[in-house]
Amino acid sequence: MVSDILQTNLNGLILNNPILTASGTYGYNDEYEEFIDVSNLGAIVTKAITLKPRAGNKHTRIIETKAGMINSIGLENVGIEKFLNKKLPVLKEKNINFIMNLAGSTLDEYIELAKICNKNSIKAVELNVSCPNVKSGCLEFGVDENSLYELVSSVRQEYKGFLAVKLTPNVTSIEKLAQACQRAEADAISAINTLKGTRIKLDIINGKVNKTVVTGGYSGRGVKPVAIGAVIRIKQATDLPIIGIGGIENLNDVLEFFTAGANAVQIGTANFTHPEIAEKLVFELENFIKTNGFKDLEELKKELRK
């Protein structure tokens, strides 16, 4: 059992600890319970949920790189209705804290999702406005501050729970986008989503070239410096809590994000190679605080930011 020294307050959303798992890397509810006690995590962020089920992309969806991976899943998911009927009961039964990631192709779709979440008392959502591997929606909203403001404010009118917005790094000024979210009354910023990238894999045998080309979202160890920089800039530009994401693989990575200004973190790509890592980091962080004589997580963060 995790002690209360790790308790984290994200603008009124109280979590037992600041270690979350990133959308798209942890399924919908209890998929990882073979490896860990999922209820020990601060929260899981669900796979992106759309208004209707999506089959996703037909081509190669995932390819490894030397410092991470590129994914082009295309937001495959069961849709909001099946999530509420099949996945949500499991989360409640097993006392798994969660944030629902929402994605849409149009403003109206996001608004309808917000209404459904509010009606069903979903206490926390994360708007995916920055997915780089779908043909419409998401990224279109995430790169223009006026469109983003309209989207977030429209969702805010319909949804009364905790509202985070997941921002893309594929922009000139992530600060302006974060400020638009704050003006629209978002509760927090998640940063960053994947970078847009391409991997070309070549197999040359007997003079014949076979190639696999995958363009999509680049994640993993290599994006960490970009993510740290984004967190620092958002921290300087807004008063919103920040959930840091990008290349986290060990406790020192977590501490670096706290130093940059993050209030919590999400573990993403590392889950695929080390499925126990999120829970491991919870206990390592708790032990680090106790061993080094800090009263609690907040005191540690203050010391890191001096």
C-alpha atoms as a PDB file:
ATOM      1  CA  MET A   1       0.000   0.000   0.000  1.00  0.00           C
ATOM      2  CA  VAL A   2       1.326   3.422  -1.000  1.00  0.00           C
ATOM      3  CA  SER A   3       1.485   6.017   1.795  1.00  0.00           C
ATOM      4  CA  ASP A   4      -0.152   9.428   1.579  1.00  0.00           C
ATOM      5  CA  ILE A   5       3.183  11.261   1.258  1.00  0.00           C
ATOM      6  CA  LEU A   6       2.796  10.939  -2.536  1.00  0.00           C
ATOM      7  CA  GLN A   7      -0.666  12.479  -2.683  1.00  0.00           C
ATOM      8  CA  THR A   8      -0.990  14.779  -5.688  1.00  0.00           C
ATOM      9  CA  ASN A   9      -3.530  17.559  -6.220  1.00  0.00           C
ATOM     10  CA  LEU A  10      -4.145  18.513  -9.861  1.00  0.00           C
ATOM     11  CA  ASN A  11      -6.477  21.463  -9.588  1.00  0.00           C
ATOM     12  CA  GLY A  12      -8.882  19.544  -7.381  1.00  0.00           C
ATOM     13  CA  LEU A  13      -8.304  16.084  -8.823  1.00  0.00           C
ATOM     14  CA  ILE A  14      -6.737  14.214  -5.915  1.00  0.00           C
ATOM     15  CA  LEU A  15      -4.500  11.292  -6.847  1.00  0.00           C
ATOM     16  CA  ASN A  16      -2.773   8.882  -4.482  1.00  0.00           C
ATOM     17  CA  ASN A  17       0.485   9.494  -6.328  1.00  0.00           C
ATOM     18  CA  PRO A  18       1.807  11.336  -9.412  1.00  0.00           C
ATOM     19  CA  ILE A  19       2.596   8.283 -11.568  1.00  0.00           C
ATOM     20  CA  LEU A  20       0.095   7.809 -14.397  1.00  0.00           C
ATOM     21  CA  THR A  21       0.172   5.763 -17.579  1.00  0.00           C
ATOM     22  CA  ALA A  22      -0.197   7.404 -20.973  1.00  0.00           C
ATOM     23  CA  SER A  23      -3.122   6.908 -23.311  1.00  0.00           C
ATOM     24  CA  GLY A  24      -2.597   4.197 -25.874  1.00  0.00           C
ATOM     25  CA  THR A  25      -0.027   2.323 -23.781  1.00  0.00           C
ATOM     26  CA  TYR A  26      -2.173   0.773 -21.042  1.00  0.00           C
ATOM     27  CA  GLY A  27      -5.424  -0.342 -22.617  1.00  0.00           C
ATOM     28  CA  TYR A  28      -8.789   0.512 -21.099  1.00  0.00           C
ATOM     29  CA  ASN A  29      -8.777  -0.850 -17.568  1.00  0.00           C
ATOM     30  CA  ASP A  30      -7.039  -3.910 -16.095  1.00  0.00           C
ATOM     31  CA  GLU A  31      -4.997  -5.246 -19.005  1.00  0.00           C
ATOM     32  CA  TYR A  32      -1.763  -4.990 -17.005  1.00  0.00           C
ATOM     33  CA  GLU A  33      -2.943  -6.680 -13.808  1.00  0.00           C
ATOM     34  CA  GLU A  34      -0.980  -9.817 -14.765  1.00  0.00           C
ATOM     35  CA  PHE A  35       2.140  -7.777 -14.009  1.00  0.00           C
ATOM     36  CA  ILE A  36       1.135  -5.286 -11.296  1.00  0.00           C
ATOM     37  CA  ASP A  37      -1.631  -4.110  -8.991  1.00  0.00           C
ATOM     38  CA  VAL A  38      -3.031  -1.394 -11.271  1.00  0.00           C
ATOM     39  CA  SER A  39      -4.866   0.232  -8.351  1.00  0.00           C
ATOM     40  CA  ASN A  40      -1.458   1.287  -6.955  1.00  0.00           C
ATOM     41  CA  LEU A  41      -0.998   3.773  -9.803  1.00  0.00           C
ATOM     42  CA  GLY A  42      -2.029   7.400  -9.525  1.00  0.00           C
ATOM     43  CA  ALA A  43      -4.290   6.771 -12.512  1.00  0.00           C
ATOM     44  CA  ILE A  44      -4.347   5.163 -15.905  1.00  0.00           C
ATOM     45  CA  VAL A  45      -5.260   7.264 -18.909  1.00  0.00           C
ATOM     46  CA  THR A  46      -7.469   5.168 -21.145  1.00  0.00           C
ATOM     47  CA  LYS A  47      -6.877   4.411 -24.767  1.00  0.00           C
ATOM     48  CA  ALA A  48      -8.441   7.243 -26.790  1.00  0.00           C
ATOM     49  CA  ILE A  49     -12.236   6.955 -26.962  1.00  0.00           C
ATOM     50  CA  THR A  50     -14.232   8.307 -29.893  1.00  0.00           C
ATOM     51  CA  LEU A  51     -17.967   8.739 -30.362  1.00  0.00           C
ATOM     52  CA  LYS A  52     -18.224   5.686 -32.623  1.00  0.00           C
ATOM     53  CA  PRO A  53     -15.941   2.622 -32.795  1.00  0.00           C
ATOM     54  CA  ARG A  54     -12.894   3.000 -35.044  1.00  0.00           C
ATOM     55  CA  ALA A  55     -11.064   0.229 -36.875  1.00  0.00           C
ATOM     56  CA  GLY A  56      -7.814   2.191 -37.083  1.00  0.00           C
ATOM     57  CA  ASN A  57      -5.242   2.233 -39.871  1.00  0.00           C
ATOM     58  CA  LYS A  58      -4.775  -0.741 -42.209  1.00  0.00           C
ATOM     59  CA  HIS A  59      -1.061  -0.359 -42.885  1.00  0.00           C
ATOM     60  CA  THR A  60       1.852  -1.180 -40.546  1.00  0.00           C
ATOM     61  CA  ARG A  61       0.960   0.373 -37.214  1.00  0.00           C
ATOM     62  CA  ILE A  62       4.084   0.145 -35.065  1.00  0.00           C
ATOM     63  CA  ILE A  63       7.776   0.121 -35.900  1.00  0.00           C
ATOM     64  CA  GLU A  64      10.733   0.378 -33.543  1.00  0.00           C
ATOM     65  CA  THR A  65      13.499   2.950 -33.752  1.00  0.00           C
ATOM     66  CA  LYS A  66      16.843   3.082 -31.958  1.00  0.00           C
ATOM     67  CA  ALA A  67      15.500   5.510 -29.358  1.00  0.00           C
ATOM     68  CA  GLY A  68      11.831   4.651 -29.229  1.00  0.00           C
ATOM     69  CA  MET A  69       9.067   3.743 -31.631  1.00  0.00           C
ATOM     70  CA  ILE A  70       6.702   5.172 -34.214  1.00  0.00           C
ATOM     71  CA  ASN A  71       3.031   4.323 -34.035  1.00  0.00           C
ATOM     72  CA  SER A  72       0.312   4.843 -36.593  1.00  0.00           C
ATOM     73  CA  ILE A  73      -2.602   3.112 -34.887  1.00  0.00           C
ATOM     74  CA  GLY A  74      -5.229   5.530 -36.166  1.00  0.00           C
ATOM     75  CA  LEU A  75      -7.172   5.736 -32.887  1.00  0.00           C
ATOM     76  CA  GLU A  76      -8.573   2.215 -33.041  1.00  0.00           C
ATOM     77  CA  ASN A  77     -11.038   1.885 -30.163  1.00  0.00           C
ATOM     78  CA  VAL A  78     -14.357   0.418 -29.047  1.00  0.00           C
ATOM     79  CA  GLY A  79     -16.285   3.705 -28.962  1.00  0.00           C
ATOM     80  CA  ILE A  80     -17.882   5.480 -26.021  1.00  0.00           C
ATOM     81  CA  GLU A  81     -20.967   3.256 -25.741  1.00  0.00           C
ATOM     82  CA  LYS A  82     -19.040   0.003 -25.409  1.00  0.00           C
ATOM     83  CA  PHE A  83     -16.551   1.633 -23.067  1.00  0.00           C
ATOM     84  CA  LEU A  84     -19.345   2.655 -20.714  1.00  0.00           C
ATOM     85  CA  ASN A  85     -21.041  -0.749 -20.898  1.00  0.00           C
ATOM     86  CA  LYS A  86     -18.019  -3.077 -20.885  1.00  0.00           C
ATOM     87  CA  LYS A  87     -14.888  -1.285 -19.682  1.00  0.00           C
ATOM     88  CA  LEU A  88     -16.151   1.175 -17.072  1.00  0.00           C
ATOM     89  CA  PRO A  89     -17.690  -1.498 -14.810  1.00  0.00           C
ATOM     90  CA  VAL A  90     -14.289  -3.214 -14.547  1.00  0.00           C
ATOM     91  CA  LEU A  91     -12.588   0.037 -13.544  1.00  0.00           C
ATOM     92  CA  LYS A  92     -15.169   0.603 -10.833  1.00  0.00           C
ATOM     93  CA  GLU A  93     -15.136  -2.977  -9.576  1.00  0.00           C
ATOM     94  CA  LYS A  94     -11.353  -3.053  -9.234  1.00  0.00           C
ATOM     95  CA  ASN A  95     -11.043   0.487  -7.863  1.00  0.00           C
ATOM     96  CA  ILE A  96      -8.747   1.622 -10.660  1.00  0.00           C
ATOM     97  CA  ASN A  97      -8.431   5.391 -10.845  1.00  0.00           C
ATOM     98  CA  PHE A  98      -8.616   6.617 -14.436  1.00  0.00           C
ATOM     99  CA  ILE A  99      -8.733   9.594 -16.766  1.00  0.00           C
ATOM    100  CA  MET A 100     -10.676   9.073 -19.991  1.00  0.00           C
ATOM    101  CA  ASN A 101      -8.852  10.207 -23.110  1.00  0.00           C
ATOM    102  CA  LEU A 102     -11.295  11.631 -25.678  1.00  0.00           C
ATOM    103  CA  ALA A 103     -10.730  12.156 -29.406  1.00  0.00           C
ATOM    104  CA  GLY A 104     -12.927  13.484 -32.183  1.00  0.00           C
ATOM    105  CA  SER A 105     -12.914  14.534 -35.817  1.00  0.00           C
ATOM    106  CA  THR A 106     -15.210  17.546 -35.397  1.00  0.00           C
ATOM    107  CA  LEU A 107     -16.128  20.068 -32.747  1.00  0.00           C
ATOM    108  CA  ASP A 108     -19.598  18.534 -32.496  1.00  0.00           C
ATOM    109  CA  GLU A 109     -18.114  15.108 -31.761  1.00  0.00           C
ATOM    110  CA  TYR A 110     -16.074  16.483 -28.866  1.00  0.00           C
ATOM    111  CA  ILE A 111     -19.130  18.295 -27.509  1.00  0.00           C
ATOM    112  CA  GLU A 112     -21.239  15.135 -27.668  1.00  0.00           C
ATOM    113  CA  LEU A 113     -18.494  13.151 -25.915  1.00  0.00           C
ATOM    114  CA  ALA A 114     -18.351  15.820 -23.212  1.00  0.00           C
ATOM    115  CA  LYS A 115     -22.102  15.593 -22.664  1.00  0.00           C
ATOM    116  CA  ILE A 116     -21.955  11.807 -22.385  1.00  0.00           C
ATOM    117  CA  CYS A 117     -19.069  11.935 -19.912  1.00  0.00           C
ATOM    118  CA  ASN A 118     -20.846  14.520 -17.794  1.00  0.00           C
ATOM    119  CA  LYS A 119     -24.078  12.501 -17.810  1.00  0.00           C
ATOM    120  CA  ASN A 120     -22.205   9.377 -16.720  1.00  0.00           C
ATOM    121  CA  SER A 121     -20.243  11.156 -13.970  1.00  0.00           C
ATOM    122  CA  ILE A 122     -16.823  10.505 -15.487  1.00  0.00           C
ATOM    123  CA  LYS A 123     -14.713  12.497 -13.057  1.00  0.00           C
ATOM    124  CA  ALA A 124     -11.708  13.223 -15.275  1.00  0.00           C
ATOM    125  CA  VAL A 125     -11.042  13.471 -19.011  1.00  0.00           C
ATOM    126  CA  GLU A 126      -8.044  14.288 -21.197  1.00  0.00           C
ATOM    127  CA  LEU A 127      -8.750  15.842 -24.577  1.00  0.00           C
ATOM    128  CA  ASN A 128      -6.630  14.394 -27.348  1.00  0.00           C
ATOM    129  CA  VAL A 129      -6.197  17.362 -29.678  1.00  0.00           C
ATOM    130  CA  SER A 130      -2.845  16.283 -31.035  1.00  0.00           C
ATOM    131  CA  CYS A 131      -2.838  12.834 -32.604  1.00  0.00           C
ATOM    132  CA  PRO A 132      -0.581  12.964 -35.704  1.00  0.00           C
ATOM    133  CA  ASN A 133      -1.739   9.766 -37.399  1.00  0.00           C
ATOM    134  CA  VAL A 134      -5.396  10.328 -38.279  1.00  0.00           C
ATOM    135  CA  LYS A 135      -6.644  12.081 -41.392  1.00  0.00           C
ATOM    136  CA  SER A 136      -8.970  14.561 -39.700  1.00  0.00           C
ATOM    137  CA  GLY A 137      -9.578  15.987 -36.245  1.00  0.00           C
ATOM    138  CA  CYS A 138      -7.231  15.978 -33.237  1.00  0.00           C
ATOM    139  CA  LEU A 139      -4.105  17.579 -34.682  1.00  0.00           C
ATOM    140  CA  GLU A 140      -6.137  20.174 -36.587  1.00  0.00           C
ATOM    141  CA  PHE A 141      -7.426  21.534 -33.275  1.00  0.00           C
ATOM    142  CA  GLY A 142      -4.085  21.210 -31.514  1.00  0.00           C
ATOM    143  CA  VAL A 143      -2.024  23.454 -33.781  1.00  0.00           C
ATOM    144  CA  ASP A 144      -4.221  26.574 -33.880  1.00  0.00           C
ATOM    145  CA  GLU A 145      -4.789  28.523 -30.678  1.00  0.00           C
ATOM    146  CA  ASN A 146      -8.158  29.939 -31.751  1.00  0.00           C
ATOM    147  CA  SER A 147      -9.535  26.550 -32.787  1.00  0.00           C
ATOM    148  CA  LEU A 148      -8.187  25.042 -29.589  1.00  0.00           C
ATOM    149  CA  TYR A 149      -9.786  27.747 -27.460  1.00  0.00           C
ATOM    150  CA  GLU A 150     -13.144  27.174 -29.138  1.00  0.00           C
ATOM    151  CA  LEU A 151     -12.885  23.417 -28.640  1.00  0.00           C
ATOM    152  CA  VAL A 152     -11.843  23.504 -24.986  1.00  0.00           C
ATOM    153  CA  SER A 153     -14.342  26.199 -24.028  1.00  0.00           C
ATOM    154  CA  SER A 154     -17.145  24.297 -25.779  1.00  0.00           C
ATOM    155  CA  VAL A 155     -16.245  21.111 -23.915  1.00  0.00           C
ATOM    156  CA  ARG A 156     -15.975  23.046 -20.662  1.00  0.00           C
ATOM    157  CA  GLN A 157     -19.552  24.281 -21.047  1.00  0.00           C
ATOM    158  CA  GLU A 158     -20.829  20.700 -21.224  1.00  0.00           C
ATOM    159  CA  TYR A 159     -18.447  18.891 -18.891  1.00  0.00           C
ATOM    160  CA  LYS A 160     -18.040  19.814 -15.226  1.00  0.00           C
ATOM    161  CA  GLY A 161     -15.322  17.391 -14.134  1.00  0.00           C
ATOM    162  CA  PHE A 162     -11.533  17.579 -14.325  1.00  0.00           C
ATOM    163  CA  LEU A 163     -10.454  18.615 -17.814  1.00  0.00           C
ATOM    164  CA  ALA A 164      -6.895  18.148 -19.089  1.00  0.00           C
ATOM    165  CA  VAL A 165      -5.733  18.930 -22.624  1.00  0.00           C
ATOM    166  CA  LYS A 166      -2.956  16.916 -24.258  1.00  0.00           C
ATOM    167  CA  LEU A 167      -0.815  19.193 -26.416  1.00  0.00           C
ATOM    168  CA  THR A 168       1.299  18.460 -29.462  1.00  0.00           C
ATOM    169  CA  PRO A 169       4.967  19.466 -29.730  1.00  0.00           C
ATOM    170  CA  ASN A 170       4.563  19.842 -33.500  1.00  0.00           C
ATOM    171  CA  VAL A 171       3.954  23.599 -33.288  1.00  0.00           C
ATOM    172  CA  THR A 172       5.885  26.855 -33.243  1.00  0.00           C
ATOM    173  CA  SER A 173       4.607  28.015 -29.842  1.00  0.00           C
ATOM    174  CA  ILE A 174       3.259  25.474 -27.385  1.00  0.00           C
ATOM    175  CA  GLU A 175       3.033  28.349 -24.902  1.00  0.00           C
ATOM    176  CA  LYS A 176       0.238  30.050 -26.876  1.00  0.00           C
ATOM    177  CA  LEU A 177      -1.712  26.798 -27.048  1.00  0.00           C
ATOM    178  CA  ALA A 178      -1.366  26.283 -23.295  1.00  0.00           C
ATOM    179  CA  GLN A 179      -2.518  29.845 -22.678  1.00  0.00           C
ATOM    180  CA  ALA A 180      -5.564  29.233 -24.891  1.00  0.00           C
ATOM    181  CA  CYS A 181      -6.393  26.200 -22.751  1.00  0.00           C
ATOM    182  CA  GLN A 182      -6.111  28.265 -19.574  1.00  0.00           C
ATOM    183  CA  ARG A 183      -8.395  30.973 -20.973  1.00  0.00           C
ATOM    184  CA  ALA A 184     -10.888  28.262 -21.890  1.00  0.00           C
ATOM    185  CA  GLU A 185     -10.860  27.048 -18.261  1.00  0.00           C
ATOM    186  CA  ALA A 186      -9.039  23.756 -18.649  1.00  0.00           C
ATOM    187  CA  ASP A 187      -7.793  22.293 -15.376  1.00  0.00           C
ATOM    188  CA  ALA A 188      -4.420  20.966 -16.542  1.00  0.00           C
ATOM    189  CA  ILE A 189      -2.085  20.432 -19.480  1.00  0.00           C
ATOM    190  CA  SER A 190      -0.648  17.075 -20.531  1.00  0.00           C
ATOM    191  CA  ALA A 191       2.606  17.539 -22.449  1.00  0.00           C
ATOM    192  CA  ILE A 192       3.749  16.260 -24.738  1.00  0.00           C
ATOM    193  CA  ASN A 193       2.042  14.022 -27.239  1.00  0.00           C
ATOM    194  CA  THR A 194       4.172  12.298 -29.878  1.00  0.00           C
ATOM    195  CA  LEU A 195       6.384  14.033 -32.415  1.00  0.00           C
ATOM    196  CA  LYS A 196       5.618  13.412 -36.052  1.00  0.00           C
ATOM    197  CA  GLY A 197       8.245  11.167 -37.585  1.00  0.00           C
ATOM    198  CA  THR A 198       8.984   8.521 -40.215  1.00  0.00           C
ATOM    199  CA  ARG A 199      10.957   5.266 -40.085  1.00  0.00           C
ATOM    200  CA  ILE A 200      12.150   3.581 -43.267  1.00  0.00           C
ATOM    201  CA  LYS A 201      13.131  -0.051 -42.813  1.00  0.00           C
ATOM    202  CA  LEU A 202      15.094  -1.583 -45.682  1.00  0.00           C
ATOM    203  CA  ASP A 203      15.627  -5.272 -46.416  1.00  0.00           C
ATOM    204  CA  ILE A 204      17.947  -5.792 -49.399  1.00  0.00           C
ATOM    205  CA  ILE A 205      18.296  -9.414 -50.468  1.00  0.00           C
ATOM    206  CA  ASN A 206      19.843 -10.624 -53.735  1.00  0.00           C
ATOM    207  CA  GLY A 207      19.563  -7.212 -55.343  1.00  0.00           C
ATOM    208  CA  LYS A 208      15.904  -6.750 -54.434  1.00  0.00           C
ATOM    209  CA  VAL A 209      14.774  -3.987 -52.083  1.00  0.00           C
ATOM    210  CA  ASN A 210      11.871  -4.483 -49.715  1.00  0.00           C
ATOM    211  CA  LYS A 211      10.995  -1.427 -47.705  1.00  0.00           C
ATOM    212  CA  THR A 212       8.587  -0.607 -44.910  1.00  0.00           C
ATOM    213  CA  VAL A 213       7.726   3.067 -44.417  1.00  0.00           C
ATOM    214  CA  VAL A 214       5.760   4.122 -41.341  1.00  0.00           C
ATOM    215  CA  THR A 215       4.859   7.740 -40.635  1.00  0.00           C
ATOM    216  CA  GLY A 216       3.179   8.529 -37.364  1.00  0.00           C
ATOM    217  CA  GLY A 217       3.804   9.503 -33.771  1.00  0.00           C
ATOM    218  CA  TYR A 218       7.380   9.151 -32.499  1.00  0.00           C
ATOM    219  CA  SER A 219       7.679   8.372 -28.795  1.00  0.00           C
ATOM    220  CA  GLY A 220      10.204   6.943 -26.370  1.00  0.00           C
ATOM    221  CA  ARG A 221      13.578   7.871 -24.948  1.00  0.00           C
ATOM    222  CA  GLY A 222      14.502  10.208 -27.772  1.00  0.00           C
ATOM    223  CA  VAL A 223      11.677  12.684 -27.153  1.00  0.00           C
ATOM    224  CA  LYS A 224      12.533  13.400 -23.523  1.00  0.00           C
ATOM    225  CA  PRO A 225      14.578  16.610 -24.088  1.00  0.00           C
ATOM    226  CA  VAL A 226      11.747  18.004 -26.242  1.00  0.00           C
ATOM    227  CA  ALA A 227       9.216  17.146 -23.549  1.00  0.00           C
ATOM    228  CA  ILE A 228      11.278  18.679 -20.745  1.00  0.00           C
ATOM    229  CA  GLY A 229      11.657  21.876 -22.762  1.00  0.00           C
ATOM    230  CA  ALA A 230       7.923  22.029 -23.428  1.00  0.00           C
ATOM    231  CA  VAL A 231       7.100  21.602 -19.737  1.00  0.00           C
ATOM    232  CA  ILE A 232       9.424  24.458 -18.812  1.00  0.00           C
ATOM    233  CA  ARG A 233       7.865  26.781 -21.367  1.00  0.00           C
ATOM    234  CA  ILE A 234       4.302  25.907 -20.382  1.00  0.00           C
ATOM    235  CA  LYS A 235       5.176  26.425 -16.718  1.00  0.00           C
ATOM    236  CA  GLN A 236       6.484  29.894 -17.502  1.00  0.00           C
ATOM    237  CA  ALA A 237       3.436  30.784 -19.605  1.00  0.00           C
ATOM    238  CA  THR A 238       0.518  29.482 -17.495  1.00  0.00           C
ATOM    239  CA  ASP A 239      -0.623  28.691 -13.977  1.00  0.00           C
ATOM    240  CA  LEU A 240      -2.062  25.304 -14.906  1.00  0.00           C
ATOM    241  CA  PRO A 241      -0.798  22.032 -13.438  1.00  0.00           C
ATOM    242  CA  ILE A 242       1.269  20.057 -15.938  1.00  0.00           C
ATOM    243  CA  ILE A 243       1.349  16.317 -16.495  1.00  0.00           C
ATOM    244  CA  GLY A 244       4.723  15.618 -18.085  1.00  0.00           C
ATOM    245  CA  ILE A 245       5.057  12.935 -20.760  1.00  0.00           C
ATOM    246  CA  GLY A 246       7.956  11.789 -22.890  1.00  0.00           C
ATOM    247  CA  GLY A 247      10.734   9.219 -22.633  1.00  0.00           C
ATOM    248  CA  ILE A 248      10.423   8.438 -18.930  1.00  0.00           C
ATOM    249  CA  GLU A 249      12.219   5.195 -18.063  1.00  0.00           C
ATOM    250  CA  ASN A 250      13.504   5.599 -14.493  1.00  0.00           C
ATOM    251  CA  LEU A 251      13.153   7.583 -11.278  1.00  0.00           C
ATOM    252  CA  ASN A 252      15.705  10.198 -12.299  1.00  0.00           C
ATOM    253  CA  ASP A 253      13.589  10.958 -15.379  1.00  0.00           C
ATOM    254  CA  VAL A 254      10.598  11.530 -13.100  1.00  0.00           C
ATOM    255  CA  LEU A 255      12.630  13.882 -10.889  1.00  0.00           C
ATOM    256  CA  GLU A 256      13.797  15.836 -13.942  1.00  0.00           C
ATOM    257  CA  PHE A 257      10.192  16.413 -15.000  1.00  0.00           C
ATOM    258  CA  PHE A 258       9.337  17.592 -11.473  1.00  0.00           C
ATOM    259  CA  THR A 259      12.309  19.960 -11.609  1.00  0.00           C
ATOM    260  CA  ALA A 260      11.065  21.365 -14.926  1.00  0.00           C
ATOM    261  CA  GLY A 261       7.684  22.107 -13.366  1.00  0.00           C
ATOM    262  CA  ALA A 262       5.545  19.008 -13.904  1.00  0.00           C
ATOM    263  CA  ASN A 263       3.073  18.152 -11.145  1.00  0.00           C
ATOM    264  CA  ALA A 264       2.650  14.539 -12.288  1.00  0.00           C
ATOM    265  CA  VAL A 265       3.962  12.327 -15.075  1.00  0.00           C
ATOM    266  CA  GLN A 266       2.690   9.734 -17.505  1.00  0.00           C
ATOM    267  CA  ILE A 267       4.665   6.638 -18.468  1.00  0.00           C
ATOM    268  CA  GLY A 268       4.174   5.638 -22.103  1.00  0.00           C
ATOM    269  CA  THR A 269       6.480   3.708 -24.412  1.00  0.00           C
ATOM    270  CA  ALA A 270       8.435   2.139 -21.532  1.00  0.00           C
ATOM    271  CA  ASN A 271       5.306   0.143 -20.612  1.00  0.00           C
ATOM    272  CA  PHE A 272       5.762  -1.993 -23.717  1.00  0.00           C
ATOM    273  CA  THR A 273       9.201  -3.260 -22.712  1.00  0.00           C
ATOM    274  CA  HIS A 274       8.839  -3.076 -18.915  1.00  0.00           C
ATOM    275  CA  PRO A 275       5.153  -3.598 -18.077  1.00  0.00           C
ATOM    276  CA  GLU A 276       5.825  -3.291 -14.352  1.00  0.00           C
ATOM    277  CA  ILE A 277       7.615   0.069 -14.596  1.00  0.00           C
ATOM    278  CA  ALA A 278       4.799   2.410 -13.528  1.00  0.00           C
ATOM    279  CA  GLU A 279       4.144   0.621 -10.239  1.00  0.00           C
ATOM    280  CA  LYS A 280       7.904   0.229  -9.706  1.00  0.00           C
ATOM    281  CA  LEU A 281       8.342   3.999 -10.016  1.00  0.00           C
ATOM    282  CA  VAL A 282       5.584   4.625  -7.466  1.00  0.00           C
ATOM    283  CA  PHE A 283       7.437   2.614  -4.823  1.00  0.00           C
ATOM    284  CA  GLU A 284      10.849   3.957  -5.823  1.00  0.00           C
ATOM    285  CA  LEU A 285       9.594   7.537  -5.499  1.00  0.00           C
ATOM    286  CA  GLU A 286       8.076   6.818  -2.096  1.00  0.00           C
ATOM    287  CA  ASN A 287      11.302   5.226  -0.883  1.00  0.00           C
ATOM    288  CA  PHE A 288      13.392   8.102  -2.267  1.00  0.00           C
ATOM    289  CA  ILE A 289      11.348  10.669  -0.347  1.00  0.00           C
ATOM    290  CA  LYS A 290      11.600   8.745   2.920  1.00  0.00           C
ATOM    291  CA  THR A 291      15.286   7.904   2.527  1.00  0.00           C
ATOM    292  CA  ASN A 292      16.264  11.501   1.807  1.00  0.00           C
ATOM    293  CA  GLY A 293      14.311  12.985   4.699  1.00  0.00           C
ATOM    294  CA  PHE A 294      11.610  14.878   2.804  1.00  0.00           C
ATOM    295  CA  LYS A 295       8.246  15.283   4.497  1.00  0.00           C
ATOM    296  CA  ASP A 296       6.291  14.526   1.354  1.00  0.00           C
ATOM    297  CA  LEU A 297       6.231  14.865  -2.427  1.00  0.00           C
ATOM    298  CA  GLU A 298       5.465  18.574  -2.346  1.00  0.00           C
ATOM    299  CA  GLU A 299       8.521  19.306  -0.208  1.00  0.00           C
ATOM    300  CA  LEU A 300      10.668  17.339  -2.653  1.00  0.00           C
ATOM    301  CA  LYS A 301       9.297  19.325  -5.597  1.00  0.00           C
ATOM    302  CA  LYS A 302      10.019  22.622  -3.850  1.00  0.00           C
ATOM    303  CA  GLU A 303      13.615  21.591  -3.207  1.00  0.00           C
ATOM    304  CA  LEU A 304      14.091  20.454  -6.816  1.00  0.00           C
ATOM    305  CA  ARG A 305      12.861  23.813  -8.146  1.00  0.00           C
ATOM    306  CA  LYS A 306      15.048  26.073  -5.991  1.00  0.00           C
END
